[in-house]
Amino acid sequence: MKTKTVKEEKKTKEPHRPFVTDVEELRKRARKHMEMGAVTEGYKADRETVIKILNEVLATEIVCTLRYRRHYYMATGIHAHAVAAEFLEHAEEEQEHADIAATRITQLGGEPNFDPKGLATRSHAEYVEGNSLMDMVREDLIAERIAVQSYNDIIRYLGDDDPTTRIAMEHILGKEEEHADDMKKLLETLSKSGRDL
């Protein structure tokens, strides 16, 4: 006699249930609390905490945008043209991330905090100018690593409680990982040149 595997046992114990939607109930719930917009009864996260986190993300992205833009304008030396182009591309992508965070904040019924006062303290990354091209790339790499770590933490915190915010953060995280990789490669290239440009 063949013994059943755990998977087979589970299959026999839990019969497949069809997906059934009570359309009338859905319609009734949608009419209730319309002022909440996209936030329905199915939203499981602590909305105020998520808005606070997203405002920190917004501040981080604004600080990164500003830092990359400064680096774009201040890049000098033999490698400046290629590195400056990378700085500008990253600045534009960081601004897109800020827009994603601000949009999600408003979808959740919050207000995006663009107040310059306290921007640096709300941001996870620092605004460091750098004295040379090498310094600038190094500081951008550090900032990207901070973003990668903190955004990973945010994604884990959100889990399945707020899938829309989690997916937005996963998109941003993917770009931040690319930025970190770009900065790492630029740092290696500048280091091989043997000059602190």
Protein backbone atom coordinates (compact mmCIF):
# COMPACT_ATOMS: atom_id res chain seq x y z
CA MET A 1 0.00 0.00 0.00
CA LYS A 2 1.38 3.39 -1.02
CA THR A 3 1.56 6.06 1.69
CA LYS A 4 0.42 9.56 0.79
CA THR A 5 2.90 12.40 0.66
CA VAL A 6 2.29 15.56 2.71
CA LYS A 7 1.31 17.40 -0.47
CA GLU A 8 -1.22 14.69 -1.40
CA GLU A 9 -2.65 14.66 2.14
CA LYS A 10 -3.04 18.42 2.10
CA LYS A 11 -4.77 18.18 -1.26
CA THR A 12 -7.29 15.67 0.02
CA LYS A 13 -7.95 17.58 3.27
CA GLU A 14 -8.43 20.97 1.61
CA PRO A 15 -10.79 20.72 -1.35
CA HIS A 16 -10.39 23.38 -4.01
CA ARG A 17 -12.86 26.17 -3.43
CA PRO A 18 -14.10 28.19 -6.39
CA PHE A 19 -13.61 31.96 -6.38
CA VAL A 20 -17.01 33.46 -5.75
CA THR A 21 -17.67 37.16 -5.52
CA ASP A 22 -20.82 38.60 -4.04
CA VAL A 23 -21.23 41.45 -6.52
CA GLU A 24 -24.00 43.13 -4.56
CA GLU A 25 -21.87 43.11 -1.39
CA LEU A 26 -18.89 44.53 -3.32
CA ARG A 27 -21.05 47.34 -4.66
CA LYS A 28 -22.46 48.08 -1.22
CA ARG A 29 -18.99 48.23 0.37
CA ALA A 30 -17.67 50.45 -2.45
CA ARG A 31 -20.37 53.04 -1.73
CA LYS A 32 -19.51 53.06 1.97
CA HIS A 33 -16.76 55.52 3.01
CA MET A 34 -16.28 56.88 -0.52
CA GLU A 35 -14.24 59.74 0.93
CA MET A 36 -11.45 57.18 1.54
CA GLY A 37 -10.85 56.86 -2.22
CA ALA A 38 -8.56 53.91 -2.94
CA VAL A 39 -8.43 52.81 0.72
CA THR A 40 -11.08 50.15 1.23
CA GLU A 41 -12.01 47.85 4.12
CA GLY A 42 -9.57 45.31 2.67
CA TYR A 43 -6.60 47.62 3.38
CA LYS A 44 -4.74 45.98 6.28
CA ALA A 45 -1.74 48.25 6.92
CA ASP A 46 -1.55 51.06 9.46
CA ARG A 47 -2.28 53.88 7.01
CA GLU A 48 -0.73 56.64 9.14
CA THR A 49 2.51 54.66 9.52
CA VAL A 50 2.67 53.94 5.79
CA ILE A 51 2.16 57.64 5.01
CA LYS A 52 4.95 58.55 7.47
CA ILE A 53 7.27 55.97 5.85
CA LEU A 54 6.41 57.24 2.37
CA ASN A 55 7.16 60.81 3.44
CA GLU A 56 10.60 59.58 4.56
CA VAL A 57 11.02 57.92 1.14
CA LEU A 58 9.93 61.19 -0.49
CA ALA A 59 12.53 63.13 1.51
CA THR A 60 15.22 60.55 0.68
CA GLU A 61 14.46 60.78 -3.03
CA ILE A 62 14.45 64.60 -2.99
CA VAL A 63 17.80 64.70 -1.19
CA CYS A 64 19.23 62.19 -3.68
CA THR A 65 17.87 64.22 -6.61
CA LEU A 66 19.53 67.36 -5.26
CA ARG A 67 22.83 65.63 -4.54
CA TYR A 68 23.01 64.04 -8.01
CA ARG A 69 22.13 67.36 -9.65
CA ARG A 70 24.89 69.14 -7.76
CA HIS A 71 27.33 66.41 -8.73
CA TYR A 72 26.22 66.76 -12.36
CA TYR A 73 27.07 70.46 -12.38
CA MET A 74 30.25 70.13 -10.34
CA ALA A 75 31.83 67.18 -12.20
CA THR A 76 35.27 68.08 -13.57
CA GLY A 77 38.25 66.20 -14.91
CA ILE A 78 39.07 63.82 -17.72
CA HIS A 79 36.18 61.44 -16.89
CA ALA A 80 33.72 64.23 -16.05
CA HIS A 81 31.56 64.05 -19.18
CA ALA A 82 30.65 60.35 -18.86
CA VAL A 83 30.24 60.49 -15.08
CA ALA A 84 28.15 63.68 -15.24
CA ALA A 85 25.79 62.02 -17.73
CA GLU A 86 25.28 59.20 -15.22
CA PHE A 87 24.66 61.72 -12.42
CA LEU A 88 22.00 63.49 -14.49
CA GLU A 89 20.25 60.23 -15.42
CA HIS A 90 20.16 59.21 -11.76
CA ALA A 91 18.86 62.64 -10.70
CA GLU A 92 15.94 62.30 -13.11
CA GLU A 93 15.15 58.78 -11.93
CA GLU A 94 15.30 59.85 -8.27
CA GLN A 95 12.78 62.60 -9.09
CA GLU A 96 10.50 59.96 -10.64
CA HIS A 97 10.77 57.97 -7.39
CA ALA A 98 9.81 61.07 -5.40
CA ASP A 99 6.76 61.47 -7.65
CA ILE A 100 5.77 57.82 -7.09
CA ALA A 101 6.00 58.27 -3.30
CA ALA A 102 4.03 61.55 -3.37
CA THR A 103 1.31 60.02 -5.56
CA ARG A 104 0.92 57.03 -3.24
CA ILE A 105 0.76 59.30 -0.19
CA THR A 106 -2.19 61.17 -1.71
CA GLN A 107 -3.88 57.91 -2.74
CA LEU A 108 -3.75 56.89 0.92
CA GLY A 109 -5.36 60.17 1.95
CA GLY A 110 -2.17 61.77 3.23
CA GLU A 111 -0.23 64.88 2.32
CA PRO A 112 3.25 64.68 0.77
CA ASN A 113 5.72 66.69 2.86
CA PHE A 114 7.77 68.87 0.51
CA ASP A 115 8.70 71.34 3.26
CA PRO A 116 12.45 72.03 2.90
CA LYS A 117 12.62 72.56 6.67
CA GLY A 118 13.54 69.17 8.13
CA LEU A 119 14.09 67.56 4.72
CA ALA A 120 17.58 66.36 5.69
CA THR A 121 16.34 64.84 8.97
CA ARG A 122 13.43 63.03 7.27
CA SER A 123 15.73 61.61 4.59
CA HIS A 124 17.46 58.28 5.13
CA ALA A 125 20.38 59.37 2.91
CA GLU A 126 22.62 62.36 3.55
CA TYR A 127 23.36 65.30 1.30
CA VAL A 128 27.16 65.19 0.93
CA GLU A 129 28.71 67.39 -1.73
CA GLY A 130 32.09 65.69 -2.22
CA ASN A 131 35.32 67.52 -3.08
CA SER A 132 36.32 65.49 -6.15
CA LEU A 133 34.70 63.31 -8.78
CA MET A 134 35.82 60.24 -6.83
CA ASP A 135 34.29 61.66 -3.62
CA MET A 136 31.02 62.36 -5.41
CA VAL A 137 30.75 58.84 -6.78
CA ARG A 138 31.67 57.38 -3.39
CA GLU A 139 29.00 59.45 -1.60
CA ASP A 140 26.40 58.50 -4.20
CA LEU A 141 27.25 54.83 -3.75
CA ILE A 142 26.89 55.15 0.04
CA ALA A 143 23.51 56.87 -0.39
CA GLU A 144 22.31 54.17 -2.78
CA ARG A 145 23.35 51.45 -0.34
CA ILE A 146 21.38 53.21 2.41
CA ALA A 147 18.32 53.39 0.14
CA VAL A 148 18.64 49.71 -0.83
CA GLN A 149 18.77 48.62 2.81
CA SER A 150 15.99 50.88 4.08
CA TYR A 151 13.70 50.11 1.13
CA ASN A 152 14.23 46.38 1.68
CA ASP A 153 13.15 46.93 5.30
CA ILE A 154 10.07 48.87 4.16
CA ILE A 155 9.08 46.13 1.70
CA ARG A 156 9.37 43.49 4.43
CA TYR A 157 7.31 45.67 6.79
CA LEU A 158 4.53 46.14 4.20
CA GLY A 159 4.31 42.44 3.34
CA ASP A 160 0.80 41.64 2.13
CA ASP A 161 -0.86 44.41 4.16
CA ASP A 162 -0.39 47.02 1.41
CA PRO A 163 0.51 45.32 -1.88
CA THR A 164 0.24 48.50 -3.96
CA THR A 165 2.79 50.40 -1.85
CA ARG A 166 4.97 47.28 -1.68
CA ILE A 167 4.99 46.93 -5.48
CA ALA A 168 5.83 50.65 -5.87
CA MET A 169 8.69 50.26 -3.39
CA GLU A 170 9.92 47.12 -5.17
CA HIS A 171 10.05 49.12 -8.41
CA ILE A 172 12.01 51.92 -6.72
CA LEU A 173 14.29 49.39 -5.00
CA GLY A 174 15.15 47.77 -8.35
CA LYS A 175 16.27 51.15 -9.72
CA GLU A 176 18.26 51.94 -6.55
CA GLU A 177 20.09 48.62 -6.90
CA GLU A 178 20.93 49.55 -10.51
CA HIS A 179 22.20 52.95 -9.32
CA ALA A 180 24.38 51.31 -6.68
CA ASP A 181 25.81 48.98 -9.29
CA ASP A 182 26.47 51.92 -11.66
CA MET A 183 28.26 53.86 -8.91
CA LYS A 184 30.32 50.81 -7.95
CA LYS A 185 31.47 50.39 -11.56
CA LEU A 186 32.28 54.09 -11.88
CA LEU A 187 34.27 53.97 -8.65
CA GLU A 188 36.24 50.98 -9.94
CA THR A 189 36.92 52.77 -13.25
CA LEU A 190 38.09 55.94 -11.52
CA SER A 191 40.23 53.92 -9.10
CA LYS A 192 41.92 52.10 -12.01
CA SER A 193 42.76 55.44 -13.60
CA GLY A 194 45.07 55.98 -10.61
CA ARG A 195 43.92 59.51 -10.07
CA ASP A 196 41.57 61.02 -7.55
CA LEU A 197 39.70 63.21 -10.01
